[in-house]
């Protein structure tokens, strides 16, 4: 079960959290395990592995932007009541450590990227690196490579077993089945990319969220922003992108579900490139949308890319 939280100020959340009990966890032996995921993609992984044994809440819900999210008092209460908190890490949720500490939660915290080999932030040192701070200088969007998604799932499986040993067989069986589906998805993406002419495998997107996809599958992504939507695209960056689109006759630019479309619409207007479709980068769509799960999200993206770049 996925839920969505509205955005208020972090200071309000921290103040409210100080009056929470140190541990508001449920003690019901038969109640579902309460799990918090920092954003919707992680919540989907937890739901797939946990099944009916868990209730998972995504702090940043569908179409939400985890880069700029501000936790609420309700988030502090949810974290305090959780048995497990799942985070991406790699600097993606700069607000998460403060929220967990302020909530007084005794929940186990697992970093889903713990086995991922991180990529360097492509914007670092170029004036538009990510705005996560905390000393991180890497690209946090590791889920865009399905191979990494499999590492996320394994980390979540192990964390669920640690917190709920009685569910080991259920978690292992569900994880094994889901990992097989992810392996098939990886094959689908590679097959689709192979059908795109090699001279058309260049993509313009809103921000640098697709570095892992690029490395894994051989598309080149160019973006006027860094890897965080908090960073502002400079006039120099935009001019460079426009020159590149014109020089290379790139056919399409893509919008993202978490980004303001006006910048990409301006670039499309000035270059004559068409809007190729909407890609899902940092969040799922609502459940009834085209990207309501991680697998649906990746299929939507490759479908949009293939349609725009193959014709």
Protein backbone atom coordinates (compact mmCIF):
# COMPACT_ATOMS: atom_id res chain seq x y z
CA UNK A 1 0.00 0.00 0.00
CA UNK A 2 1.52 3.32 -1.06
CA UNK A 3 0.68 6.70 0.45
CA UNK A 4 1.76 10.26 -0.40
CA UNK A 5 2.75 13.09 1.93
CA UNK A 6 2.29 16.77 1.21
CA UNK A 7 5.25 19.18 1.50
CA UNK A 8 5.74 21.65 4.38
CA UNK A 9 8.90 23.05 5.94
CA UNK A 10 11.60 20.83 7.44
CA UNK A 11 11.81 23.12 10.45
CA UNK A 12 8.17 22.46 11.29
CA UNK A 13 8.76 18.72 11.02
CA UNK A 14 11.76 18.85 13.32
CA UNK A 15 9.94 20.94 15.92
CA UNK A 16 6.95 18.62 15.93
CA UNK A 17 9.15 15.56 16.14
CA UNK A 18 10.60 16.64 19.47
CA UNK A 19 7.30 15.88 21.18
CA UNK A 20 6.98 12.40 19.70
CA UNK A 21 7.63 9.35 21.85
CA UNK A 22 11.03 7.79 21.25
CA UNK A 23 9.45 4.67 19.83
CA UNK A 24 5.92 4.72 18.44
CA UNK A 25 6.24 1.33 16.78
CA UNK A 26 3.37 -1.06 16.62
CA UNK A 27 3.75 -4.11 18.82
CA UNK A 28 1.04 -6.20 17.21
CA UNK A 29 2.53 -9.58 16.37
CA UNK A 30 0.27 -10.13 13.37
CA UNK A 31 0.22 -6.58 12.07
CA UNK A 32 2.02 -5.88 8.77
CA UNK A 33 5.56 -4.64 9.10
CA UNK A 34 5.58 -0.82 8.85
CA UNK A 35 8.18 0.29 6.30
CA UNK A 36 9.08 3.80 5.18
CA UNK A 37 10.65 4.37 1.76
CA UNK A 38 12.07 7.77 0.95
CA UNK A 39 10.44 7.93 -2.50
CA UNK A 40 8.04 6.08 -4.78
CA UNK A 41 10.49 3.91 -6.73
CA UNK A 42 11.94 2.46 -3.53
CA UNK A 43 8.43 1.94 -2.18
CA UNK A 44 7.58 -0.16 -5.23
CA UNK A 45 10.62 -2.35 -4.66
CA UNK A 46 9.61 -2.84 -1.01
CA UNK A 47 6.03 -3.70 -1.98
CA UNK A 48 7.23 -6.27 -4.51
CA UNK A 49 9.51 -8.02 -2.03
CA UNK A 50 7.38 -7.55 1.07
CA UNK A 51 3.98 -8.41 -0.34
CA UNK A 52 1.22 -8.72 2.27
CA UNK A 53 3.70 -8.91 5.14
CA UNK A 54 4.48 -5.19 4.86
CA UNK A 55 2.77 -1.82 4.64
CA UNK A 56 5.03 0.64 2.87
CA UNK A 57 4.74 4.43 2.86
CA UNK A 58 6.59 6.59 0.35
CA UNK A 59 7.47 9.97 1.80
CA UNK A 60 7.90 11.46 -1.68
CA UNK A 61 4.97 10.15 -3.64
CA UNK A 62 4.12 9.78 -7.34
CA UNK A 63 5.50 12.56 -9.56
CA UNK A 64 7.22 14.04 -6.49
CA UNK A 65 10.71 15.51 -6.59
CA UNK A 66 12.96 14.04 -3.91
CA UNK A 67 15.66 16.63 -4.64
CA UNK A 68 13.60 19.51 -3.23
CA UNK A 69 11.21 17.70 -0.89
CA UNK A 70 10.53 19.15 2.56
CA UNK A 71 9.32 16.67 5.21
CA UNK A 72 6.18 17.26 7.24
CA UNK A 73 5.10 16.51 10.82
CA UNK A 74 3.14 13.56 9.44
CA UNK A 75 6.37 12.21 7.96
CA UNK A 76 8.03 12.42 11.38
CA UNK A 77 5.16 10.42 12.91
CA UNK A 78 5.36 7.79 10.15
CA UNK A 79 9.12 7.38 10.56
CA UNK A 80 8.73 7.09 14.34
CA UNK A 81 6.24 4.25 13.90
CA UNK A 82 8.27 2.35 11.31
CA UNK A 83 10.28 -0.81 11.85
CA UNK A 84 12.38 -0.27 8.72
CA UNK A 85 13.39 2.83 6.74
CA UNK A 86 14.68 2.37 3.19
CA UNK A 87 16.74 5.15 1.60
CA UNK A 88 18.53 5.50 -1.70
CA UNK A 89 21.69 7.10 -0.37
CA UNK A 90 24.41 8.62 -2.60
CA UNK A 91 23.23 12.04 -1.44
CA UNK A 92 19.79 11.80 -3.01
CA UNK A 93 17.79 12.56 0.14
CA UNK A 94 19.70 15.36 1.84
CA UNK A 95 16.83 15.78 4.29
CA UNK A 96 16.47 12.16 5.38
CA UNK A 97 19.11 11.87 8.09
CA UNK A 98 17.69 14.89 9.92
CA UNK A 99 14.17 13.52 9.69
CA UNK A 100 15.09 10.10 11.08
CA UNK A 101 17.08 11.65 13.92
CA UNK A 102 14.39 14.16 14.80
CA UNK A 103 11.63 11.55 14.78
CA UNK A 104 13.27 9.54 17.54
CA UNK A 105 12.73 6.40 15.51
CA UNK A 106 14.42 3.17 16.48
CA UNK A 107 13.81 1.70 13.03
CA UNK A 108 16.54 -0.07 11.14
CA UNK A 109 17.76 2.04 8.23
CA UNK A 110 18.97 0.36 5.02
CA UNK A 111 20.70 2.13 2.16
CA UNK A 112 19.48 0.42 -0.99
CA UNK A 113 22.56 1.43 -3.00
CA UNK A 114 25.01 -0.14 -0.58
CA UNK A 115 26.32 -2.58 -3.26
CA UNK A 116 26.10 -0.16 -6.20
CA UNK A 117 29.24 1.16 -7.85
CA UNK A 118 28.44 4.89 -8.03
CA UNK A 119 29.08 7.10 -11.02
CA UNK A 120 30.65 10.50 -10.63
CA UNK A 121 28.27 13.45 -10.80
CA UNK A 122 28.61 14.55 -14.46
CA UNK A 123 28.06 18.18 -13.51
CA UNK A 124 30.63 18.38 -10.72
CA UNK A 125 33.27 20.93 -11.49
CA UNK A 126 31.31 22.28 -14.46
CA UNK A 127 29.15 24.80 -12.65
CA UNK A 128 25.96 22.73 -12.53
CA UNK A 129 26.67 19.80 -10.25
CA UNK A 130 24.02 18.42 -7.96
CA UNK A 131 22.87 20.32 -4.91
CA UNK A 132 22.69 17.43 -2.46
CA UNK A 133 25.69 18.56 -0.47
CA UNK A 134 26.99 16.53 2.48
CA UNK A 135 30.25 15.90 0.61
CA UNK A 136 28.61 13.75 -2.06
CA UNK A 137 30.08 14.07 -5.52
CA UNK A 138 28.29 11.20 -7.23
CA UNK A 139 25.21 10.63 -9.34
CA UNK A 140 22.47 9.18 -7.09
CA UNK A 141 20.11 7.92 -9.87
CA UNK A 142 21.45 4.36 -9.83
CA UNK A 143 18.01 2.78 -10.34
CA UNK A 144 18.07 3.84 -14.00
CA UNK A 145 20.25 0.78 -14.67
CA UNK A 146 18.10 -2.31 -14.16
CA UNK A 147 21.22 -4.19 -13.07
CA UNK A 148 21.47 -1.78 -10.16
CA UNK A 149 17.76 -2.17 -9.44
CA UNK A 150 18.49 -5.83 -8.83
CA UNK A 151 21.06 -4.79 -6.19
CA UNK A 152 18.44 -2.54 -4.58
CA UNK A 153 16.04 -5.49 -4.36
CA UNK A 154 18.64 -7.75 -2.79
CA UNK A 155 19.45 -5.12 -0.15
CA UNK A 156 15.76 -4.65 0.64
CA UNK A 157 15.20 -8.42 0.85
CA UNK A 158 18.05 -8.81 3.32
CA UNK A 159 16.85 -5.86 5.41
CA UNK A 160 13.32 -7.24 5.62
CA UNK A 161 14.66 -10.62 6.73
CA UNK A 162 16.80 -8.97 9.41
CA UNK A 163 13.79 -7.11 10.81
CA UNK A 164 11.27 -9.95 10.32
CA UNK A 165 13.12 -13.31 10.34
CA UNK A 166 9.84 -15.22 10.39
CA UNK A 167 9.12 -13.95 6.88
CA UNK A 168 12.41 -15.15 5.38
CA UNK A 169 10.91 -17.73 3.03
CA UNK A 170 8.25 -15.29 1.79
CA UNK A 171 10.75 -12.50 1.20
CA UNK A 172 13.21 -14.78 -0.55
CA UNK A 173 10.56 -16.28 -2.82
CA UNK A 174 9.09 -12.91 -3.77
CA UNK A 175 12.53 -11.40 -4.34
CA UNK A 176 13.60 -14.31 -6.54
CA UNK A 177 10.49 -13.97 -8.69
CA UNK A 178 10.88 -10.20 -8.98
CA UNK A 179 14.58 -10.43 -9.80
CA UNK A 180 13.69 -12.73 -12.71
CA UNK A 181 11.22 -10.13 -13.99
CA UNK A 182 13.90 -7.46 -13.74
CA UNK A 183 16.34 -9.62 -15.68
CA UNK A 184 13.74 -9.99 -18.43
CA UNK A 185 13.17 -6.22 -18.37
CA UNK A 186 16.89 -5.61 -18.84
CA UNK A 187 16.79 -7.81 -21.93
CA UNK A 188 13.78 -5.91 -23.30
CA UNK A 189 15.61 -2.62 -22.99
CA UNK A 190 18.75 -3.91 -24.69
CA UNK A 191 16.69 -5.33 -27.57
CA UNK A 192 14.87 -2.02 -28.02
CA UNK A 193 18.09 0.03 -27.96
CA UNK A 194 19.66 -2.26 -30.56
CA UNK A 195 16.89 -1.28 -32.99
CA UNK A 196 17.66 2.45 -32.73
CA UNK A 197 20.14 3.58 -35.43
CA UNK A 198 23.51 4.21 -33.82
CA UNK A 199 23.70 7.76 -35.17
CA UNK A 200 20.42 8.67 -33.44
CA UNK A 201 21.26 7.42 -29.94
CA UNK A 202 21.53 10.89 -28.40
CA UNK A 203 18.91 12.28 -26.05
CA UNK A 204 18.23 15.75 -24.60
CA UNK A 205 16.52 15.68 -21.17
CA UNK A 206 15.75 18.16 -18.41
CA UNK A 207 18.40 17.10 -15.86
CA UNK A 208 21.18 14.54 -15.63
CA UNK A 209 19.12 11.66 -14.22
CA UNK A 210 20.08 9.06 -16.82
CA UNK A 211 23.82 8.58 -16.42
CA UNK A 212 23.45 4.98 -15.27
CA UNK A 213 21.02 4.24 -18.12
CA UNK A 214 23.53 5.72 -20.55
CA UNK A 215 26.42 3.61 -19.24
CA UNK A 216 24.38 0.41 -19.18
CA UNK A 217 22.51 0.71 -22.47
CA UNK A 218 24.53 2.94 -24.78
CA UNK A 219 22.38 6.05 -25.19
CA UNK A 220 24.02 9.45 -24.73
CA UNK A 221 22.04 11.88 -22.56
CA UNK A 222 22.66 15.64 -22.54
CA UNK A 223 20.95 17.96 -20.06
CA UNK A 224 21.10 21.67 -19.26
CA UNK A 225 20.80 20.96 -15.52
CA UNK A 226 23.01 18.87 -13.25
CA UNK A 227 21.84 15.72 -11.51
CA UNK A 228 19.61 17.66 -9.13
CA UNK A 229 16.55 19.65 -10.11
CA UNK A 230 17.67 22.16 -7.47
CA UNK A 231 20.46 23.34 -9.76
CA UNK A 232 19.63 26.11 -12.20
CA UNK A 233 20.54 25.79 -15.86
CA UNK A 234 22.71 28.76 -16.81
CA UNK A 235 22.24 30.75 -20.00
CA UNK A 236 25.59 29.34 -21.11
CA UNK A 237 24.39 25.77 -20.59
CA UNK A 238 21.18 26.39 -22.52
CA UNK A 239 23.05 28.05 -25.39
CA UNK A 240 25.44 25.10 -25.53
CA UNK A 241 22.56 22.63 -25.73
CA UNK A 242 20.87 24.63 -28.49
CA UNK A 243 24.09 24.71 -30.52
CA UNK A 244 24.58 20.99 -30.04
CA UNK A 245 21.03 20.12 -31.13
CA UNK A 246 21.42 22.22 -34.28
CA UNK A 247 24.90 20.94 -35.11
CA UNK A 248 24.04 17.29 -34.60
CA UNK A 249 20.47 17.58 -35.90
CA UNK A 250 19.15 15.84 -32.80
CA UNK A 251 15.53 14.87 -33.49
CA UNK A 252 13.80 15.30 -30.14
CA UNK A 253 13.94 16.65 -26.61
CA UNK A 254 12.26 14.90 -23.70
CA UNK A 255 10.34 16.24 -20.74
CA UNK A 256 10.50 14.67 -17.28
CA UNK A 257 7.71 14.11 -14.83
CA UNK A 258 9.57 15.89 -11.99
CA UNK A 259 10.82 18.93 -13.93
CA UNK A 260 9.34 22.21 -15.07
CA UNK A 261 8.66 21.69 -18.82
CA UNK A 262 9.20 25.33 -19.81
CA UNK A 263 12.96 25.08 -20.28
CA UNK A 264 12.72 22.09 -22.61
CA UNK A 265 9.81 23.65 -24.48
CA UNK A 266 11.95 26.75 -25.07
CA UNK A 267 14.84 24.64 -26.35
CA UNK A 268 12.50 22.73 -28.67
CA UNK A 269 11.04 25.97 -30.03
CA UNK A 270 14.45 27.51 -30.71
CA UNK A 271 15.94 24.43 -32.39
CA UNK A 272 12.97 22.93 -34.20
CA UNK A 273 13.44 19.64 -32.34
CA UNK A 274 10.15 18.06 -31.40
CA UNK A 275 9.03 17.15 -27.92
CA UNK A 276 9.66 13.42 -27.91
CA UNK A 277 7.55 12.49 -24.93
CA UNK A 278 7.69 12.34 -21.15
CA UNK A 279 10.33 10.32 -19.35
CA UNK A 280 10.07 9.24 -15.72
CA UNK A 281 13.33 9.85 -13.94
CA UNK A 282 13.07 10.28 -10.15
CA UNK A 283 9.49 9.19 -9.44
CA UNK A 284 6.73 6.90 -10.59
CA UNK A 285 3.43 8.12 -11.95
CA UNK A 286 0.23 7.64 -10.02
CA UNK A 287 -0.82 3.97 -9.92
CA UNK A 288 -3.28 4.43 -12.79
CA UNK A 289 -0.69 6.19 -14.96
CA UNK A 290 1.76 4.84 -17.52
CA UNK A 291 4.54 4.41 -14.97
CA UNK A 292 2.81 3.20 -11.84
CA UNK A 293 5.53 0.65 -11.06
CA UNK A 294 9.26 0.53 -11.68
CA UNK A 295 8.88 -1.99 -14.49
CA UNK A 296 6.13 0.08 -16.11
CA UNK A 297 8.31 3.20 -15.72
CA UNK A 298 11.26 1.65 -17.53
CA UNK A 299 9.02 0.28 -20.27
CA UNK A 300 7.40 3.68 -20.71
CA UNK A 301 10.80 5.33 -21.04
CA UNK A 302 12.18 2.92 -23.61
CA UNK A 303 8.93 3.09 -25.56
CA UNK A 304 9.10 6.90 -25.69
CA UNK A 305 12.78 6.88 -26.60
CA UNK A 306 12.37 4.24 -29.28
CA UNK A 307 9.42 6.02 -30.84
CA UNK A 308 11.21 9.37 -31.09
CA UNK A 309 14.69 8.16 -32.06
CA UNK A 310 13.84 5.33 -34.46
CA UNK A 311 11.54 7.29 -36.81
